[in-house]
Amino acid sequence: MSAPTGPDADGPGRPPVGPSAAERVILHVDMDSFFASVEVLDDPTLRGKPVIVGGSGARGVVAACTYEARMFGVHSAMSSSVARRLCPDAIFLDGRFHRYSEESRRLHDILGSFTPFVEGISLDEAFLDVTGGVHLFGDGTLIGHEIRDRVRDEMSLPCSVGVGRSKLMAKLASKAAKPRASRSGVEPGPGVVEVRAEDELAFLHPLPVRALWGIGPVTEKRLLALGVTAIGELAAVPPDALERYLGTAAGRHLSELARGIDDRPVVPVQEAKSIGHEETFTTDLWDRDDLHRRLHRMVDASATALRAAERAARTVTVKLRFGDFTQITRSHTLDGPIDATPAIAAVAVALLDGVDLGKGVRLLGVSLSGLSDRDGGTQLQLDLEPAGTAGSAAAGVATGGGAAGRDPSGGHGPGSTPAAGREDPAVAAARLQETWGSVTDAVDAIRARYGGEAVGPASLVTPDGLRVKRRGEAQWGPTSSPSTDPDAGDPESLGI
């Protein structure tokens, strides 16, 4: 396989695309049972045991598990209650997002030493375009083995690597490179698998249709209704018929993938689209004041992450899933971007207050989108019904000792509104953004130096002190162990 020695004429900083796409060398690096492997690395007594990382409570989900747990049929995204039935002796761990983030940064440092074209998909997997580096490191298979060796030697963790001329083939190849677990034991995988151009269709077509990107349970069910079970059968369906059946965009996309056509480039920098936080609660909640308090914690965590990314948001969205599993979202787009925690909270609380909670709330979330630079302006006008409680949004600042910060006039800190419930959230959001702009920078600086619980909104003070949400804290649902946290719910996700 011939390969260009560098980026083509599309410009600097871009991977080879266009006519050279057929000659690309794409790698997909995927860590093996990443979260569980990190836990075993840190606690060698877990080696060889069925370890499950995720929410251990009835509403938790499996985030990762060792191959010893997979022998019993456990897999990621499975309900923790089902996993416990399949593997009663499993060791459940709540997970430590900060450790996985640390190891992920080490992984990306290694990957970046081979090519600048690294597209991170998650903490534990990434695509690499090494087309321009084959003259330095050898062909794709050699590079894959070198990456795997370095990850093992420098991180003491296992990974699998797929090699192909497209993202699709590289990702499917990395899955074929992984170990296999069955009742009879764990069979080591080849570690590195390459799909050559001449072998693509022979490799692709026997696979089940669900192996393709974009085919979830609903689409798979519709294809099975047509008698389509394998990718080769999907490739035989006329493209126009598939477009009529699944829709133009989805039909065309899947038809091309089924025929091995995938020209998508590796994109090193992914622009953040949203930042958010969700919590699934151990039991359904009805109390609005309790939900306000939980929402404030999520807003605080999301706004902190927003400012850390040096971004501001124009759209605030509140998501609720009720006890009967129905789900709704309420959102509002502002005239200008905001990033101050109290300003975002004023909008979020008003949105929540417009929802009937009669069914009980199973999940509550907030997300910030419409991102732009922090100096993109401030929101001046907002029309929300019903008007929320601006005072609850500006609950003041508390230090790690648990005392609420008070201003000299006896208010609750900058931007407080003593007359709770009387101020329109439109006015509150604009005023709070203006008055809290410099304050939030100071709060972030204190947290960066002394820790996240050094200072924060007074509304987050509990009898045990200031309790703030951390990114990835119990990320996969509630745990089965009693919690000292008065907010018994746990976040499902917080990310960029």
Protein backbone atom coordinates (compact mmCIF):
# COMPACT_ATOMS: atom_id res chain seq x y z
CA MET A 1 0.00 0.00 0.00
CA SER A 2 1.46 3.34 -1.03
CA ALA A 3 1.00 6.34 1.21
CA PRO A 4 1.60 10.08 0.96
CA THR A 5 4.30 11.44 3.21
CA GLY A 6 2.24 14.24 4.71
CA PRO A 7 -1.04 16.17 4.64
CA ASP A 8 -2.35 16.93 1.18
CA ALA A 9 -3.30 20.20 -0.41
CA ASP A 10 -6.34 20.66 1.78
CA GLY A 11 -4.14 22.73 4.07
CA PRO A 12 -1.95 22.39 7.15
CA GLY A 13 -3.39 20.69 10.19
CA ARG A 14 -5.71 18.50 8.13
CA PRO A 15 -5.35 14.75 7.62
CA PRO A 16 -5.15 13.41 4.06
CA VAL A 17 -8.55 13.53 2.40
CA GLY A 18 -9.91 13.67 -1.13
CA PRO A 19 -8.19 11.53 -3.77
CA SER A 20 -5.72 10.10 -1.22
CA ALA A 21 -8.54 8.80 1.01
CA ALA A 22 -8.29 5.36 -0.64
CA GLU A 23 -4.66 5.17 0.49
CA ARG A 24 -5.17 6.27 4.07
CA VAL A 25 -3.88 4.28 7.02
CA ILE A 26 -6.35 4.65 9.90
CA LEU A 27 -5.92 3.09 13.33
CA HIS A 28 -8.53 2.61 16.03
CA VAL A 29 -7.03 2.15 19.49
CA ASP A 30 -9.42 0.79 22.11
CA MET A 31 -8.44 0.02 25.69
CA ASP A 32 -9.56 -3.39 26.96
CA SER A 33 -12.11 -3.09 29.80
CA PHE A 34 -10.51 0.26 30.57
CA PHE A 35 -12.21 1.30 33.81
CA ALA A 36 -12.05 -2.21 35.25
CA SER A 37 -8.43 -2.61 34.13
CA VAL A 38 -7.46 0.61 35.94
CA GLU A 39 -9.12 -0.68 39.11
CA VAL A 40 -7.19 -3.96 38.86
CA LEU A 41 -3.99 -2.00 38.21
CA ASP A 42 -4.50 0.00 41.40
CA ASP A 43 -5.59 -3.03 43.44
CA PRO A 44 -3.76 -6.18 42.27
CA THR A 45 -5.87 -8.32 44.63
CA LEU A 46 -8.69 -7.92 42.10
CA ARG A 47 -6.70 -9.64 39.35
CA GLY A 48 -8.47 -12.69 37.94
CA LYS A 49 -11.78 -11.78 39.63
CA PRO A 50 -15.13 -10.67 38.14
CA VAL A 51 -14.99 -6.91 38.66
CA ILE A 52 -17.80 -4.61 37.55
CA VAL A 53 -17.48 -0.82 37.47
CA GLY A 54 -20.79 1.04 37.53
CA GLY A 55 -23.79 1.85 39.65
CA SER A 56 -24.43 -1.05 42.00
CA GLY A 57 -27.99 -0.02 42.86
CA ALA A 58 -31.19 -1.23 41.22
CA ARG A 59 -31.11 1.70 38.77
CA GLY A 60 -27.40 1.50 38.05
CA VAL A 61 -25.76 0.36 34.83
CA VAL A 62 -22.52 -1.44 34.04
CA ALA A 63 -19.83 0.89 32.73
CA ALA A 64 -17.09 -1.73 32.32
CA CYS A 65 -16.21 -5.17 33.57
CA THR A 66 -13.29 -7.57 33.51
CA TYR A 67 -13.32 -10.51 31.14
CA GLU A 68 -13.85 -12.77 34.15
CA ALA A 69 -17.26 -11.08 34.54
CA ARG A 70 -17.93 -11.27 30.80
CA MET A 71 -17.62 -15.05 31.05
CA PHE A 72 -21.04 -14.92 32.75
CA GLY A 73 -22.60 -12.76 30.05
CA VAL A 74 -22.09 -9.38 31.73
CA HIS A 75 -21.38 -6.46 29.38
CA SER A 76 -21.31 -2.67 29.44
CA ALA A 77 -24.62 -0.76 29.41
CA MET A 78 -26.32 -3.74 31.07
CA SER A 79 -28.54 -3.09 34.07
CA SER A 80 -26.58 -3.67 37.27
CA SER A 81 -29.42 -5.73 38.69
CA VAL A 82 -29.24 -8.08 35.68
CA ALA A 83 -25.44 -8.23 35.98
CA ARG A 84 -25.73 -9.20 39.64
CA ARG A 85 -28.10 -12.03 38.77
CA LEU A 86 -25.77 -13.32 36.06
CA CYS A 87 -22.68 -13.05 38.23
CA PRO A 88 -23.60 -13.12 41.96
CA ASP A 89 -19.94 -13.14 43.03
CA ALA A 90 -19.05 -10.01 41.07
CA ILE A 91 -17.20 -7.23 42.87
CA PHE A 92 -18.99 -3.93 42.20
CA LEU A 93 -16.99 -0.71 42.25
CA ASP A 94 -18.55 2.73 41.91
CA GLY A 95 -15.73 3.98 39.71
CA ARG A 96 -13.23 6.83 40.00
CA PHE A 97 -13.54 9.15 37.06
CA HIS A 98 -10.46 11.15 37.99
CA ARG A 99 -8.25 8.04 37.74
CA TYR A 100 -9.64 7.11 34.36
CA SER A 101 -9.05 10.68 33.19
CA GLU A 102 -5.45 10.52 34.38
CA GLU A 103 -4.77 7.31 32.48
CA SER A 104 -6.60 8.65 29.45
CA ARG A 105 -4.26 11.64 29.32
CA ARG A 106 -1.28 9.28 29.43
CA LEU A 107 -2.80 7.25 26.60
CA HIS A 108 -3.29 10.31 24.43
CA ASP A 109 0.27 11.43 25.09
CA ILE A 110 1.46 8.12 23.67
CA LEU A 111 -0.86 8.33 20.67
CA GLY A 112 0.19 11.91 19.98
CA SER A 113 3.82 10.83 19.66
CA PHE A 114 2.91 8.91 16.48
CA THR A 115 0.75 11.48 14.71
CA PRO A 116 -0.92 14.84 15.37
CA PHE A 117 -4.10 13.44 13.82
CA VAL A 118 -5.67 11.86 16.90
CA GLU A 119 -9.45 12.00 17.28
CA GLY A 120 -10.50 11.06 20.78
CA ILE A 121 -13.86 9.28 20.85
CA SER A 122 -14.00 8.72 24.60
CA LEU A 123 -11.60 8.33 27.49
CA ASP A 124 -10.49 4.91 26.28
CA GLU A 125 -10.57 4.98 22.49
CA ALA A 126 -9.33 7.10 19.62
CA PHE A 127 -8.82 7.14 15.87
CA LEU A 128 -5.41 7.93 14.41
CA ASP A 129 -4.53 8.87 10.85
CA VAL A 130 -0.94 7.65 10.46
CA THR A 131 -0.83 7.95 6.67
CA GLY A 132 1.96 10.50 6.82
CA GLY A 133 3.98 8.53 9.37
CA VAL A 134 4.36 5.14 7.75
CA HIS A 135 7.75 6.13 6.34
CA LEU A 136 8.93 6.80 9.91
CA PHE A 137 7.30 3.99 11.89
CA GLY A 138 6.50 1.32 9.30
CA ASP A 139 3.11 0.16 8.03
CA GLY A 140 -0.12 0.32 10.00
CA THR A 141 0.29 -3.09 11.59
CA LEU A 142 3.78 -2.28 12.85
CA ILE A 143 2.54 1.01 14.28
CA GLY A 144 -0.34 -0.81 15.95
CA HIS A 145 2.01 -3.25 17.65
CA GLU A 146 4.32 -0.42 18.74
CA ILE A 147 1.40 1.48 20.28
CA ARG A 148 0.19 -1.64 22.03
CA ASP A 149 3.66 -2.37 23.41
CA ARG A 150 4.10 1.17 24.71
CA VAL A 151 0.68 1.23 26.38
CA ARG A 152 1.54 -2.06 28.09
CA ASP A 153 5.06 -1.00 29.12
CA GLU A 154 4.33 2.59 30.15
CA MET A 155 0.80 2.23 31.52
CA SER A 156 0.63 -1.47 32.44
CA LEU A 157 -2.73 -1.64 30.71
CA PRO A 158 -3.98 -3.70 27.73
CA CYS A 159 -5.38 -2.32 24.50
CA SER A 160 -6.44 -3.56 21.08
CA VAL A 161 -5.72 -1.91 17.74
CA GLY A 162 -7.56 -2.09 14.43
CA VAL A 163 -5.96 -1.02 11.14
CA GLY A 164 -7.77 -0.15 7.92
CA ARG A 165 -8.15 2.53 5.31
CA SER A 166 -11.32 3.94 6.90
CA LYS A 167 -12.74 4.61 10.33
CA LEU A 168 -15.33 1.89 9.82
CA MET A 169 -12.80 -0.81 9.03
CA ALA A 170 -10.39 0.27 11.76
CA LYS A 171 -13.09 0.18 14.43
CA LEU A 172 -14.43 -3.20 13.38
CA ALA A 173 -10.86 -4.52 13.21
CA SER A 174 -10.10 -3.37 16.77
CA LYS A 175 -13.12 -5.31 18.00
CA ALA A 176 -11.82 -8.40 16.20
CA ALA A 177 -8.47 -7.87 17.95
CA LYS A 178 -9.94 -8.09 21.45
CA PRO A 179 -9.97 -11.07 23.82
CA ARG A 180 -13.04 -13.33 23.85
CA ALA A 181 -14.83 -14.46 27.00
CA SER A 182 -17.14 -17.46 27.26
CA ARG A 183 -18.19 -19.97 29.87
CA SER A 184 -15.15 -22.02 29.02
CA GLY A 185 -12.75 -19.18 29.80
CA VAL A 186 -11.01 -16.13 28.36
CA GLU A 187 -9.30 -16.50 25.00
CA PRO A 188 -6.59 -13.88 24.28
CA GLY A 189 -7.16 -11.84 21.16
CA PRO A 190 -4.58 -11.13 18.45
CA GLY A 191 -4.13 -7.61 19.81
CA VAL A 192 -3.73 -6.03 16.37
CA VAL A 193 -5.90 -6.79 13.33
CA GLU A 194 -5.53 -5.20 9.91
CA VAL A 195 -8.22 -5.25 7.23
CA ARG A 196 -6.55 -4.79 3.85
CA ALA A 197 -8.37 -3.07 1.01
CA GLU A 198 -8.81 -6.27 -0.97
CA ASP A 199 -10.28 -8.06 2.07
CA GLU A 200 -12.76 -5.41 3.21
CA LEU A 201 -15.98 -6.89 1.85
CA ALA A 202 -15.05 -10.43 2.83
CA PHE A 203 -14.43 -9.18 6.38
CA LEU A 204 -17.44 -6.86 6.51
CA HIS A 205 -20.33 -8.72 4.89
CA PRO A 206 -20.62 -11.73 7.26
CA LEU A 207 -20.96 -9.44 10.30
CA PRO A 208 -24.42 -8.78 11.81
CA VAL A 209 -26.06 -5.51 10.75
CA ARG A 210 -25.89 -4.17 14.31
CA ALA A 211 -22.09 -3.93 13.90
CA LEU A 212 -22.55 -0.87 11.69
CA TRP A 213 -22.56 2.66 13.05
CA GLY A 214 -26.04 4.11 13.18
CA ILE A 215 -27.85 0.82 13.69
CA GLY A 216 -29.40 0.68 17.12
CA PRO A 217 -32.14 -1.59 18.44
CA VAL A 218 -34.94 0.22 16.57
CA THR A 219 -33.21 0.25 13.18
CA GLU A 220 -32.03 -3.33 13.67
CA LYS A 221 -35.61 -4.42 14.34
CA ARG A 222 -36.80 -2.73 11.14
CA LEU A 223 -34.07 -4.41 9.10
CA LEU A 224 -34.82 -7.80 10.63
CA ALA A 225 -38.43 -7.30 9.52
CA LEU A 226 -37.07 -7.16 5.97
CA GLY A 227 -35.12 -10.36 6.52
CA VAL A 228 -31.82 -8.46 6.64
CA THR A 229 -29.56 -9.90 9.33
CA ALA A 230 -26.03 -9.57 7.90
CA ILE A 231 -24.22 -6.57 6.46
CA GLY A 232 -23.83 -8.38 3.14
CA GLU A 233 -27.61 -8.70 2.90
CA LEU A 234 -27.93 -5.01 3.66
CA ALA A 235 -25.47 -4.20 0.87
CA ALA A 236 -27.68 -6.13 -1.56
CA VAL A 237 -30.70 -3.91 -0.85
CA PRO A 238 -31.02 -1.23 -3.58
CA PRO A 239 -29.95 2.13 -2.10
CA ASP A 240 -33.11 3.92 -3.21
CA ALA A 241 -35.28 1.26 -1.56
CA LEU A 242 -33.30 1.58 1.67
CA GLU A 243 -33.68 5.38 1.57
CA ARG A 244 -37.44 5.06 1.20
CA TYR A 245 -37.60 2.60 4.06
CA LEU A 246 -35.27 4.28 6.57
CA GLY A 247 -35.23 7.87 5.34
CA THR A 248 -32.93 9.53 2.84
CA ALA A 249 -29.99 10.38 5.09
CA ALA A 250 -29.99 7.20 7.18
CA GLY A 251 -30.65 4.95 4.21
CA ARG A 252 -27.85 6.44 2.13
CA HIS A 253 -25.40 6.37 5.02
CA LEU A 254 -26.04 2.74 5.91
CA SER A 255 -26.02 1.67 2.27
CA GLU A 256 -22.56 3.17 1.81
CA LEU A 257 -21.20 1.65 5.00
CA ALA A 258 -22.56 -1.76 4.04
CA ARG A 259 -20.54 -1.51 0.82
CA GLY A 260 -17.41 -0.46 2.71
CA ILE A 261 -17.61 3.22 1.70
CA ASP A 262 -16.47 5.52 4.49
CA ASP A 263 -14.48 8.63 3.58
CA ARG A 264 -14.82 10.42 6.91
CA PRO A 265 -11.51 11.99 7.95
CA VAL A 266 -9.89 11.77 11.36
CA VAL A 267 -10.61 15.14 12.97
CA PRO A 268 -8.09 15.97 15.73
CA VAL A 269 -10.05 18.79 17.41
CA GLN A 270 -13.69 18.30 18.24
CA GLU A 271 -15.57 21.49 19.10
CA ALA A 272 -17.60 21.12 22.27
CA LYS A 273 -21.33 21.17 21.50
CA SER A 274 -22.77 20.99 25.00
CA ILE A 275 -21.87 20.59 28.65
CA GLY A 276 -24.29 19.00 31.04
CA HIS A 277 -25.04 16.96 34.10
CA GLU A 278 -27.73 14.35 34.88
CA GLU A 279 -28.81 12.49 37.99
CA THR A 280 -30.81 9.29 38.29
CA PHE A 281 -32.36 9.10 41.74
CA THR A 282 -32.59 6.05 43.97
CA THR A 283 -36.33 6.72 44.41
CA ASP A 284 -38.70 9.00 42.54
CA LEU A 285 -38.84 12.55 43.89
CA TRP A 286 -41.78 14.93 44.14
CA ASP A 287 -40.61 17.73 46.42
CA ARG A 288 -39.86 20.83 44.33
CA ASP A 289 -37.56 22.41 46.90
CA ASP A 290 -35.50 19.23 47.02
CA LEU A 291 -35.27 19.20 43.23
CA HIS A 292 -34.25 22.86 43.26
CA ARG A 293 -31.33 22.01 45.54
CA ARG A 294 -30.24 19.13 43.35
CA LEU A 295 -30.57 21.26 40.23
CA HIS A 296 -28.33 23.91 41.81
CA ARG A 297 -25.62 21.31 42.36
CA MET A 298 -25.81 20.22 38.74
CA VAL A 299 -25.80 23.81 37.49
CA ASP A 300 -22.75 24.56 39.64
CA ALA A 301 -20.84 21.58 38.24
CA SER A 302 -21.89 22.31 34.64
CA ALA A 303 -21.13 26.03 34.85
CA THR A 304 -17.71 25.31 36.35
CA ALA A 305 -16.91 22.92 33.48
CA LEU A 306 -18.22 25.52 31.02
CA ARG A 307 -15.85 28.20 32.31
CA ALA A 308 -12.96 25.73 32.47
CA ALA A 309 -13.47 25.23 28.74
CA GLU A 310 -13.44 29.03 28.36
CA ARG A 311 -16.92 28.95 26.92
CA ALA A 312 -20.30 30.54 27.58
CA ALA A 313 -23.74 29.22 26.64
CA ARG A 314 -26.83 30.70 25.06
CA THR A 315 -29.20 27.76 25.53
CA VAL A 316 -30.14 26.21 28.87
CA THR A 317 -32.04 22.91 28.82
CA VAL A 318 -33.64 21.03 31.71
CA LYS A 319 -34.40 17.33 31.22
CA LEU A 320 -36.75 15.22 33.31
CA ARG A 321 -37.61 11.54 33.24
CA PHE A 322 -40.63 10.64 35.30
CA GLY A 323 -41.54 7.58 37.31
CA ASP A 324 -43.45 6.12 34.35
CA PHE A 325 -40.30 6.52 32.16
CA THR A 326 -41.78 9.28 30.04
CA GLN A 327 -39.26 12.02 29.36
CA ILE A 328 -39.45 15.73 28.54
CA THR A 329 -37.04 18.61 28.01
CA ARG A 330 -37.58 22.31 28.50
CA SER A 331 -35.10 24.78 27.05
CA HIS A 332 -34.66 28.45 26.33
CA THR A 333 -32.19 30.28 24.11
CA LEU A 334 -30.95 33.63 25.39
CA ASP A 335 -30.09 36.75 23.43
CA GLY A 336 -26.46 36.44 24.48
CA PRO A 337 -24.13 33.90 26.17
CA ILE A 338 -23.89 33.50 29.94
CA ASP A 339 -21.46 31.57 32.14
CA ALA A 340 -22.12 32.74 35.71
CA THR A 341 -23.55 29.99 37.88
CA PRO A 342 -26.39 32.11 39.38
CA ALA A 343 -27.42 33.41 35.96
CA ILE A 344 -27.66 29.88 34.55
CA ALA A 345 -29.48 28.72 37.68
CA ALA A 346 -32.07 31.49 37.31
CA VAL A 347 -33.02 30.15 33.89
CA ALA A 348 -32.84 26.47 34.87
CA VAL A 349 -35.00 26.93 37.96
CA ALA A 350 -37.62 28.85 35.98
CA LEU A 351 -37.75 26.05 33.43
CA LEU A 352 -38.13 23.43 36.16
CA ASP A 353 -40.87 25.45 37.84
CA GLY A 354 -42.93 25.26 34.66
CA VAL A 355 -43.17 21.45 34.88
CA ASP A 356 -45.82 19.39 36.65
CA LEU A 357 -44.07 16.97 39.01
CA GLY A 358 -47.13 14.84 39.72
CA LYS A 359 -45.64 11.67 38.21
CA GLY A 360 -42.52 11.82 40.36
CA VAL A 361 -39.06 12.55 38.98
CA ARG A 362 -36.74 9.63 38.26
CA LEU A 363 -34.02 11.64 36.48
CA LEU A 364 -33.17 15.33 36.40
CA GLY A 365 -30.58 16.95 34.19
CA VAL A 366 -29.34 20.26 32.88
CA SER A 367 -27.32 20.95 29.75
CA LEU A 368 -25.73 24.07 28.31
CA SER A 369 -25.41 24.49 24.55
CA GLY A 370 -25.07 27.14 21.89
CA LEU A 371 -21.50 27.57 23.10
CA SER A 372 -19.30 30.51 22.21
CA ASP A 373 -16.32 32.40 23.59
CA ARG A 374 -16.80 33.84 27.07
CA ASP A 375 -16.57 37.40 25.75
CA GLY A 376 -19.47 36.86 23.36
CA GLY A 377 -21.78 39.23 25.22
CA THR A 378 -24.42 39.06 27.92
CA GLN A 379 -28.10 38.18 27.84
CA LEU A 380 -30.34 41.20 28.14
CA GLN A 381 -33.90 39.89 27.75
CA LEU A 382 -35.71 36.63 28.44
CA ASP A 383 -39.36 35.67 28.37
CA LEU A 384 -40.04 32.64 30.52
CA GLU A 385 -43.36 31.44 31.91
CA PRO A 386 -43.91 30.98 34.70
CA ALA A 387 -41.42 33.28 36.35
CA GLY A 388 -39.12 31.39 38.66
CA THR A 389 -37.47 32.39 41.87
CA ALA A 390 -34.45 34.49 41.12
CA GLY A 391 -33.52 34.52 44.75
CA SER A 392 -33.08 30.76 44.73
CA ALA A 393 -30.66 31.12 41.85
CA ALA A 394 -28.48 33.52 43.75
CA ALA A 395 -28.04 31.68 46.98
CA GLY A 396 -24.78 33.36 47.81
CA VAL A 397 -21.32 31.87 48.31
CA ALA A 398 -20.23 29.44 50.98
CA THR A 399 -16.75 28.46 52.02
CA GLY A 400 -15.62 24.94 52.77
CA GLY A 401 -16.44 25.53 56.41
CA GLY A 402 -20.12 25.71 55.56
CA ALA A 403 -20.82 29.37 56.39
CA ALA A 404 -22.81 31.35 53.86
CA GLY A 405 -21.09 34.47 52.60
CA ARG A 406 -23.06 37.61 53.47
CA ASP A 407 -22.68 41.03 51.98
CA PRO A 408 -22.49 44.11 54.23
CA SER A 409 -26.12 44.99 53.59
CA GLY A 410 -27.29 41.69 54.99
CA GLY A 411 -28.09 40.09 51.62
CA HIS A 412 -26.96 36.70 50.46
CA GLY A 413 -23.96 37.78 48.45
CA PRO A 414 -23.64 39.48 45.08
CA GLY A 415 -26.78 39.39 43.00
CA SER A 416 -29.08 38.24 45.79
CA THR A 417 -32.79 38.92 45.58
CA PRO A 418 -34.42 39.11 49.01
CA ALA A 419 -37.88 39.36 47.49
CA ALA A 420 -37.92 35.76 46.32
CA GLY A 421 -40.42 34.97 43.60
CA ARG A 422 -41.02 38.57 42.55
CA GLU A 423 -38.28 39.13 40.04
CA ASP A 424 -38.70 37.94 36.48
CA PRO A 425 -35.95 35.46 35.57
CA ALA A 426 -35.20 37.57 32.49
CA VAL A 427 -34.08 40.43 34.64
CA ALA A 428 -32.42 38.11 37.13
CA ALA A 429 -30.31 36.30 34.54
CA ALA A 430 -29.03 39.55 33.02
CA ARG A 431 -28.31 41.13 36.39
CA LEU A 432 -26.69 38.03 37.84
CA GLN A 433 -24.45 37.58 34.80
CA GLU A 434 -23.27 41.16 35.16
CA THR A 435 -22.76 41.15 38.92
CA TRP A 436 -21.25 37.67 39.13
CA GLY A 437 -18.91 37.82 36.13
CA SER A 438 -15.78 38.63 38.12
CA VAL A 439 -16.93 36.69 41.20
CA THR A 440 -17.08 33.40 39.31
CA ASP A 441 -13.48 33.85 38.16
CA ALA A 442 -12.43 34.29 41.79
CA VAL A 443 -14.41 31.21 42.85
CA ASP A 444 -12.80 29.14 40.08
CA ALA A 445 -9.33 30.32 41.10
CA ILE A 446 -9.93 29.37 44.75
CA ARG A 447 -11.22 25.94 43.75
CA ALA A 448 -8.27 25.37 41.45
CA ARG A 449 -5.89 26.01 44.32
CA TYR A 450 -7.72 24.57 47.32
CA GLY A 451 -10.12 22.03 45.84
CA GLY A 452 -13.68 21.98 44.59
CA GLU A 453 -15.24 22.09 48.06
CA ALA A 454 -13.25 25.12 49.21
CA VAL A 455 -15.96 27.53 48.09
CA GLY A 456 -19.30 27.34 46.36
CA PRO A 457 -22.96 28.39 46.43
CA ALA A 458 -24.49 28.53 49.89
CA SER A 459 -27.41 26.47 48.58
CA LEU A 460 -25.02 23.50 48.44
CA VAL A 461 -24.17 23.62 52.14
CA THR A 462 -25.24 20.51 54.07
CA PRO A 463 -24.82 19.54 57.73
CA ASP A 464 -21.58 17.86 56.62
CA GLY A 465 -20.26 20.96 54.89
CA LEU A 466 -20.18 22.14 51.31
CA ARG A 467 -21.06 19.33 48.89
CA VAL A 468 -20.42 20.00 45.23
CA LYS A 469 -20.89 17.68 42.28
CA ARG A 470 -17.70 16.34 40.76
CA ARG A 471 -17.35 15.28 37.17
CA GLY A 472 -17.99 11.56 36.87
CA GLU A 473 -19.08 11.15 40.50
CA ALA A 474 -21.04 7.86 40.64
CA GLN A 475 -21.57 8.42 36.97
CA TRP A 476 -23.46 5.23 36.17
CA GLY A 477 -26.43 5.50 38.50
CA PRO A 478 -27.16 5.10 42.19
CA THR A 479 -25.14 2.76 44.35
CA SER A 480 -26.59 0.09 46.59
CA SER A 481 -24.70 1.31 49.67
CA PRO A 482 -26.15 3.92 52.02
CA SER A 483 -25.03 7.43 51.18
CA THR A 484 -24.06 10.18 53.55
CA ASP A 485 -24.85 12.64 50.78
CA PRO A 486 -28.23 14.27 51.42
CA ASP A 487 -28.63 14.35 47.65
CA ALA A 488 -29.09 10.62 47.25
CA GLY A 489 -29.20 10.75 43.48
CA ASP A 490 -26.12 10.24 41.37
CA PRO A 491 -25.15 11.78 38.05
CA GLU A 492 -25.40 9.71 34.91
CA SER A 493 -23.19 12.00 32.92
CA LEU A 494 -21.22 15.19 32.98
CA GLY A 495 -19.12 15.90 29.96
CA ILE A 496 -18.09 17.99 27.06
